[in-house]
N, C-alpha and C. Protein backbone atom coordinates (compact mmCIF):
# COMPACT_ATOMS: atom_id res chain seq x y z
N UNK A 1 -0.32 -10.65 -17.07
CA UNK A 1 -2.38 -10.17 -16.92
C UNK A 1 -2.68 -8.56 -17.12
N UNK A 2 -3.60 -8.66 -17.94
CA UNK A 2 -4.57 -7.34 -18.12
C UNK A 2 -5.39 -7.41 -16.42
N UNK A 3 -5.06 -5.53 -16.72
CA UNK A 3 -5.97 -5.16 -15.36
C UNK A 3 -6.77 -4.03 -15.54
N UNK A 4 -6.97 -3.49 -14.93
CA UNK A 4 -7.78 -2.21 -15.68
C UNK A 4 -7.20 -1.13 -14.91
N UNK A 5 -7.00 -0.22 -16.03
CA UNK A 5 -6.78 1.31 -15.67
C UNK A 5 -7.40 1.98 -15.17
N UNK A 6 -6.63 3.25 -14.07
CA UNK A 6 -7.69 3.38 -13.14
C UNK A 6 -7.82 5.31 -13.93
N UNK A 7 -8.68 5.85 -13.72
CA UNK A 7 -8.86 7.07 -13.48
C UNK A 7 -7.61 7.85 -12.57
N UNK A 8 -7.09 9.15 -12.69
CA UNK A 8 -6.05 9.30 -11.74
C UNK A 8 -6.59 9.60 -10.23
N UNK A 9 -8.09 10.46 -9.92
CA UNK A 9 -8.47 10.35 -8.76
C UNK A 9 -8.91 9.05 -8.00
N UNK A 10 -9.52 8.17 -8.85
CA UNK A 10 -9.15 6.21 -8.07
C UNK A 10 -7.91 6.22 -7.26
N UNK A 11 -7.20 6.19 -8.70
CA UNK A 11 -6.13 6.00 -8.20
C UNK A 11 -5.58 6.33 -7.11
N UNK A 12 -5.70 7.54 -7.02
CA UNK A 12 -5.07 8.46 -5.16
C UNK A 12 -5.78 7.87 -4.41
N UNK A 13 -7.39 7.02 -4.47
CA UNK A 13 -7.88 6.80 -3.54
C UNK A 13 -7.76 5.46 -2.85
N UNK A 14 -7.14 4.81 -3.95
CA UNK A 14 -6.98 2.70 -3.88
C UNK A 14 -5.25 3.56 -2.81
N UNK A 15 -4.16 3.93 -3.33
CA UNK A 15 -3.27 4.30 -2.43
C UNK A 15 -3.50 4.13 -1.69
N UNK A 16 -4.46 5.25 -1.57
CA UNK A 16 -4.66 5.53 -0.12
C UNK A 16 -5.17 4.78 0.53
N UNK A 17 -5.55 3.73 0.31
CA UNK A 17 -6.73 2.43 1.27
C UNK A 17 -5.58 1.25 1.54
N UNK A 18 -4.37 1.44 0.29
CA UNK A 18 -3.63 0.16 0.85
C UNK A 18 -2.27 1.31 1.79
N UNK A 19 -1.95 2.22 1.39
CA UNK A 19 -0.81 3.13 3.05
C UNK A 19 -0.73 1.84 3.87
N UNK A 20 -1.53 1.27 4.08
CA UNK A 20 -0.97 0.51 5.39
C UNK A 20 -0.27 -0.71 5.16
N UNK A 21 0.12 -1.03 4.04
CA UNK A 21 0.70 -1.95 3.55
C UNK A 21 2.19 -1.29 3.30
N UNK A 22 2.51 -0.42 3.63
CA UNK A 22 3.95 0.24 3.44
C UNK A 22 4.70 -0.28 5.10
N UNK A 23 5.74 -0.57 4.77
CA UNK A 23 6.08 -1.43 6.02
C UNK A 23 6.61 -2.64 6.52
N UNK A 24 5.75 -3.30 5.52
CA UNK A 24 4.84 -5.14 5.69
C UNK A 24 6.24 -5.81 4.72
N UNK A 25 5.83 -6.89 5.30
CA UNK A 25 6.59 -7.20 4.25
C UNK A 25 5.70 -8.71 3.64
N UNK A 26 5.70 -9.37 2.65
CA UNK A 26 4.92 -10.51 1.73
C UNK A 26 6.25 -11.51 1.31
N UNK A 27 5.60 -12.65 0.86
CA UNK A 27 6.22 -13.93 0.78
C UNK A 27 5.62 -14.29 -1.45
N UNK A 28 6.53 -14.68 -1.79
CA UNK A 28 6.35 -14.82 -3.48
C UNK A 28 7.73 -15.95 -3.49
N UNK A 29 6.70 -17.12 -4.22
CA UNK A 29 7.89 -17.76 -4.41
C UNK A 29 9.63 -18.38 -3.78
N UNK A 30 8.97 -18.14 -2.39
CA UNK A 30 9.48 -18.48 -1.36
C UNK A 30 11.07 -17.52 -1.08
N UNK A 31 10.41 -15.78 -1.77
CA UNK A 31 10.93 -14.65 -1.29
C UNK A 31 10.39 -14.17 -0.84
N UNK A 32 11.14 -13.19 0.38
CA UNK A 32 10.59 -11.93 1.27
C UNK A 32 10.49 -11.24 1.06
N UNK A 33 9.37 -10.20 0.60
CA UNK A 33 9.91 -9.05 0.40
C UNK A 33 9.29 -7.40 1.05
N UNK A 34 10.03 -6.53 0.99
CA UNK A 34 9.65 -5.70 2.13
C UNK A 34 8.78 -4.43 1.40
N UNK A 35 7.68 -4.42 2.00
CA UNK A 35 6.85 -3.13 0.68
C UNK A 35 8.01 -1.69 1.27
N UNK A 36 8.57 -1.29 0.28
CA UNK A 36 8.86 0.62 1.04
C UNK A 36 7.66 1.28 0.30
N UNK A 37 6.50 1.30 -0.84
CA UNK A 37 5.92 1.87 -0.80
C UNK A 37 4.87 1.71 -1.79
N UNK A 38 3.75 2.29 -1.14
CA UNK A 38 2.47 1.99 -2.43
C UNK A 38 2.35 3.82 -3.19
N UNK A 39 2.22 3.45 -4.84
CA UNK A 39 2.43 4.10 -5.67
C UNK A 39 1.43 4.67 -6.74
N UNK A 40 0.98 5.67 -6.62
CA UNK A 40 0.60 6.06 -8.03
C UNK A 40 1.43 5.68 -9.14
N UNK A 41 1.07 5.55 -10.57
CA UNK A 41 2.79 5.52 -11.83
C UNK A 41 1.03 5.46 -12.80
N UNK A 42 1.86 5.68 -13.82
CA UNK A 42 1.27 5.20 -15.20
C UNK A 42 1.09 4.07 -15.61
N UNK A 43 0.38 4.21 -16.56
CA UNK A 43 -0.44 2.91 -16.84
C UNK A 43 0.42 1.86 -17.58
N UNK A 44 0.97 2.08 -18.35
CA UNK A 44 1.56 1.39 -19.29
C UNK A 44 2.84 1.51 -18.80
N UNK A 45 3.65 -0.14 -19.77
CA UNK A 45 4.66 -1.06 -18.59
C UNK A 45 5.93 0.27 -18.90
N UNK A 46 6.20 0.85 -20.48
CA UNK A 46 7.28 1.49 -20.69
C UNK A 46 7.13 2.54 -19.59
N UNK A 47 5.79 3.76 -20.04
CA UNK A 47 5.74 4.86 -18.92
C UNK A 47 5.98 4.35 -17.51
N UNK A 48 6.15 2.83 -16.74
CA UNK A 48 5.44 3.37 -15.44
C UNK A 48 7.46 2.46 -15.27
N UNK A 49 8.26 2.21 -16.48
CA UNK A 49 9.54 2.05 -15.81
C UNK A 49 10.13 2.99 -15.96
N UNK A 50 10.02 4.42 -16.68
CA UNK A 50 10.36 6.04 -16.55
C UNK A 50 10.06 6.25 -15.31
N UNK A 51 8.99 5.97 -14.83
CA UNK A 51 8.38 6.52 -13.99
C UNK A 51 9.03 6.19 -12.40
N UNK A 52 9.50 5.01 -12.31
CA UNK A 52 9.81 4.10 -11.02
C UNK A 52 11.67 4.76 -11.51
N UNK A 53 12.17 4.47 -12.10
CA UNK A 53 13.35 5.35 -12.30
C UNK A 53 13.30 6.57 -12.07
N UNK A 54 12.70 7.73 -12.50
CA UNK A 54 12.43 9.09 -11.99
C UNK A 54 12.28 9.07 -10.28
N UNK A 55 11.20 7.99 -9.81
CA UNK A 55 11.31 8.07 -8.62
C UNK A 55 12.72 7.75 -7.54
N UNK A 56 13.33 6.81 -7.72
CA UNK A 56 14.13 6.32 -7.42
C UNK A 56 15.49 7.25 -7.11
N UNK A 57 15.66 7.98 -8.11
CA UNK A 57 16.14 9.23 -8.18
C UNK A 57 15.94 10.17 -7.19
N UNK A 58 14.12 10.81 -7.12
CA UNK A 58 13.86 11.65 -6.81
C UNK A 58 13.11 11.55 -5.42
N UNK A 59 12.50 10.19 -5.20
CA UNK A 59 12.03 9.95 -3.89
C UNK A 59 10.81 10.87 -3.89
N UNK A 60 10.32 11.23 -5.05
CA UNK A 60 9.36 12.67 -5.28
C UNK A 60 8.31 11.97 -6.06
N UNK A 61 7.08 11.42 -5.25
CA UNK A 61 6.15 10.19 -5.67
C UNK A 61 5.33 11.93 -6.96
N UNK A 62 4.55 13.02 -7.02
CA UNK A 62 4.49 13.28 -7.60
C UNK A 62 5.12 13.92 -8.73
N UNK A 63 6.49 14.47 -8.25
CA UNK A 63 7.78 15.12 -9.24
C UNK A 63 8.02 13.77 -10.35
N UNK A 64 7.27 12.37 -9.84
CA UNK A 64 8.36 11.21 -10.55
C UNK A 64 7.59 11.10 -11.94
N UNK A 65 6.33 11.33 -12.07
CA UNK A 65 5.26 11.86 -12.86
C UNK A 65 4.82 12.86 -13.64
N UNK A 66 6.08 14.17 -13.43
CA UNK A 66 5.91 15.08 -14.39
C UNK A 66 5.68 15.17 -16.11
N UNK A 67 6.93 13.58 -16.23
CA UNK A 67 6.75 13.62 -18.09
C UNK A 67 5.36 13.35 -18.66
N UNK A 68 4.38 12.85 -17.59
CA UNK A 68 3.15 11.60 -18.30
C UNK A 68 2.39 12.51 -18.58
N UNK A 69 1.44 12.59 -19.57
CA UNK A 69 0.32 13.81 -20.03
C UNK A 69 -1.10 12.67 -20.09
N UNK A 70 -0.66 11.26 -19.73
CA UNK A 70 -1.35 10.67 -19.88
C UNK A 70 -2.44 10.70 -18.98
N UNK A 71 -4.07 9.77 -19.44
CA UNK A 71 -4.85 9.51 -18.67
C UNK A 71 -5.25 8.47 -17.77
N UNK A 72 -4.26 7.16 -18.12
CA UNK A 72 -4.34 5.85 -17.05
C UNK A 72 -3.49 6.14 -16.64
N UNK A 73 -3.73 5.61 -15.30
CA UNK A 73 -2.77 5.36 -14.02
C UNK A 73 -2.86 3.94 -13.38
N UNK A 74 -1.61 3.51 -12.54
CA UNK A 74 -2.51 2.41 -11.67
C UNK A 74 -1.84 2.70 -10.52
N UNK A 75 -1.88 1.69 -9.89
CA UNK A 75 -0.85 1.57 -8.36
C UNK A 75 -0.76 0.82 -8.37
N UNK A 76 0.96 0.68 -7.92
CA UNK A 76 1.74 -0.41 -7.65
C UNK A 76 2.50 -0.28 -6.85
N UNK A 77 2.77 -1.53 -5.91
CA UNK A 77 3.30 -2.00 -4.48
C UNK A 77 4.80 -2.19 -4.86
N UNK A 78 5.68 -0.94 -4.90
CA UNK A 78 7.38 -1.27 -4.77
C UNK A 78 8.04 -2.27 -3.16
N UNK A 79 8.64 -2.72 -4.04
CA UNK A 79 9.02 -3.81 -3.16
C UNK A 79 10.73 -4.07 -3.04
N UNK A 80 11.18 -4.88 -1.96
CA UNK A 80 12.32 -5.18 -2.20
C UNK A 80 12.52 -6.40 -1.81
N UNK A 81 13.61 -7.53 -1.75
CA UNK A 81 13.85 -8.55 -1.20
C UNK A 81 14.49 -8.28 -0.24
N UNK A 82 14.39 -8.62 0.75
CA UNK A 82 14.80 -8.69 2.09
C UNK A 82 16.57 -9.44 1.92
N UNK A 83 17.31 -10.13 1.50
CA UNK A 83 17.96 -10.61 1.15
C UNK A 83 18.62 -9.94 0.55
N UNK A 84 18.23 -8.95 -0.39
CA UNK A 84 19.17 -8.69 -1.40
C UNK A 84 18.17 -6.99 -1.98
N UNK A 85 18.59 -5.78 -0.62
CA UNK A 85 17.73 -4.46 -1.04
C UNK A 85 18.32 -3.43 -1.95
N UNK A 86 19.53 -4.17 -2.80
CA UNK A 86 19.06 -3.50 -4.22
C UNK A 86 18.32 -3.93 -5.15
N UNK A 87 17.49 -5.45 -4.92
CA UNK A 87 16.70 -6.17 -6.30
C UNK A 87 15.22 -5.60 -5.55
N UNK A 88 14.70 -4.46 -6.29
CA UNK A 88 13.24 -4.01 -6.47
C UNK A 88 12.66 -5.18 -7.30
N UNK A 89 11.03 -4.82 -6.53
CA UNK A 89 10.13 -5.37 -7.69
C UNK A 89 8.74 -4.44 -7.87
N UNK A 90 8.32 -4.13 -8.96
CA UNK A 90 6.97 -2.93 -8.48
C UNK A 90 5.47 -4.71 -8.83
N UNK A 91 4.58 -4.83 -8.66
CA UNK A 91 3.42 -5.11 -8.45
C UNK A 91 2.45 -4.64 -8.85
N UNK A 92 1.52 -4.42 -9.69
CA UNK A 92 0.42 -3.94 -9.47
C UNK A 92 -0.57 -3.80 -9.14
N UNK A 93 -1.61 -3.12 -8.35
CA UNK A 93 -2.19 -3.66 -7.10
C UNK A 93 -3.08 -4.78 -7.08
N UNK A 94 -3.91 -4.53 -8.70
CA UNK A 94 -4.57 -5.89 -8.77
C UNK A 94 -4.09 -7.29 -8.47
N UNK A 95 -3.13 -7.55 -9.30
CA UNK A 95 -2.19 -8.60 -9.15
C UNK A 95 -2.00 -8.89 -7.74
N UNK A 96 -1.77 -8.08 -6.90
CA UNK A 96 -1.25 -7.86 -5.38
C UNK A 96 -1.87 -8.86 -4.67
N UNK A 97 -3.19 -7.84 -4.69
CA UNK A 97 -5.02 -8.05 -3.85
C UNK A 97 -4.68 -9.68 -4.38
N UNK A 98 -5.13 -10.32 -5.55
CA UNK A 98 -5.59 -11.14 -5.83
C UNK A 98 -4.44 -12.61 -5.61
N UNK A 99 -3.32 -12.44 -5.49
CA UNK A 99 -2.38 -13.11 -5.11
C UNK A 99 -2.02 -13.00 -3.62
N UNK A 100 -2.69 -12.33 -3.33
CA UNK A 100 -2.71 -12.05 -1.37
C UNK A 100 -4.02 -12.46 -0.94
N UNK A 101 -5.35 -12.55 -1.45
CA UNK A 101 -6.43 -13.41 -1.39
C UNK A 101 -6.68 -12.52 -0.56
N UNK A 102 -6.51 -10.36 -0.84
CA UNK A 102 -7.23 -9.93 -0.21
C UNK A 102 -8.49 -9.19 -0.65
N UNK A 103 -9.31 -8.96 -0.36
CA UNK A 103 -10.96 -8.55 -1.02
C UNK A 103 -10.97 -7.53 -1.31
N UNK A 104 -11.32 -6.62 -2.14
CA UNK A 104 -10.96 -5.65 -2.02
C UNK A 104 -11.61 -4.85 -3.84
N UNK A 105 -12.43 -3.57 -4.05
CA UNK A 105 -13.58 -3.82 -5.11
C UNK A 105 -13.17 -2.33 -5.28
N UNK A 106 -12.09 -2.84 -6.87
CA UNK A 106 -11.87 -1.79 -7.58
C UNK A 106 -12.70 -1.17 -8.63
N UNK A 107 -13.27 0.56 -8.77
CA UNK A 107 -13.36 0.97 -9.16
C UNK A 107 -14.14 0.78 -11.16
């Protein structure tokens, strides 16, 4: 699903708006996930994958994007399956709010 890229400042503001999701759970397709974090990440999937790999090792939100020189960002919900804590997923915030029926006006 295509979604809008954000400027860095917009992504920071959006992530702050959704930080209350951290330490809550949600269900998708009969699986329950626990939200570990809401993160600003690079926009492209390739860069997002590298960011997530860096973040899982460092746990440093800003440091994990040190490699990224682009100007398009995303906000992602990072969660794990409550039945398998080694099984992580990430969902872009625009898809997440649509799936959860949350009303939010993105820039």
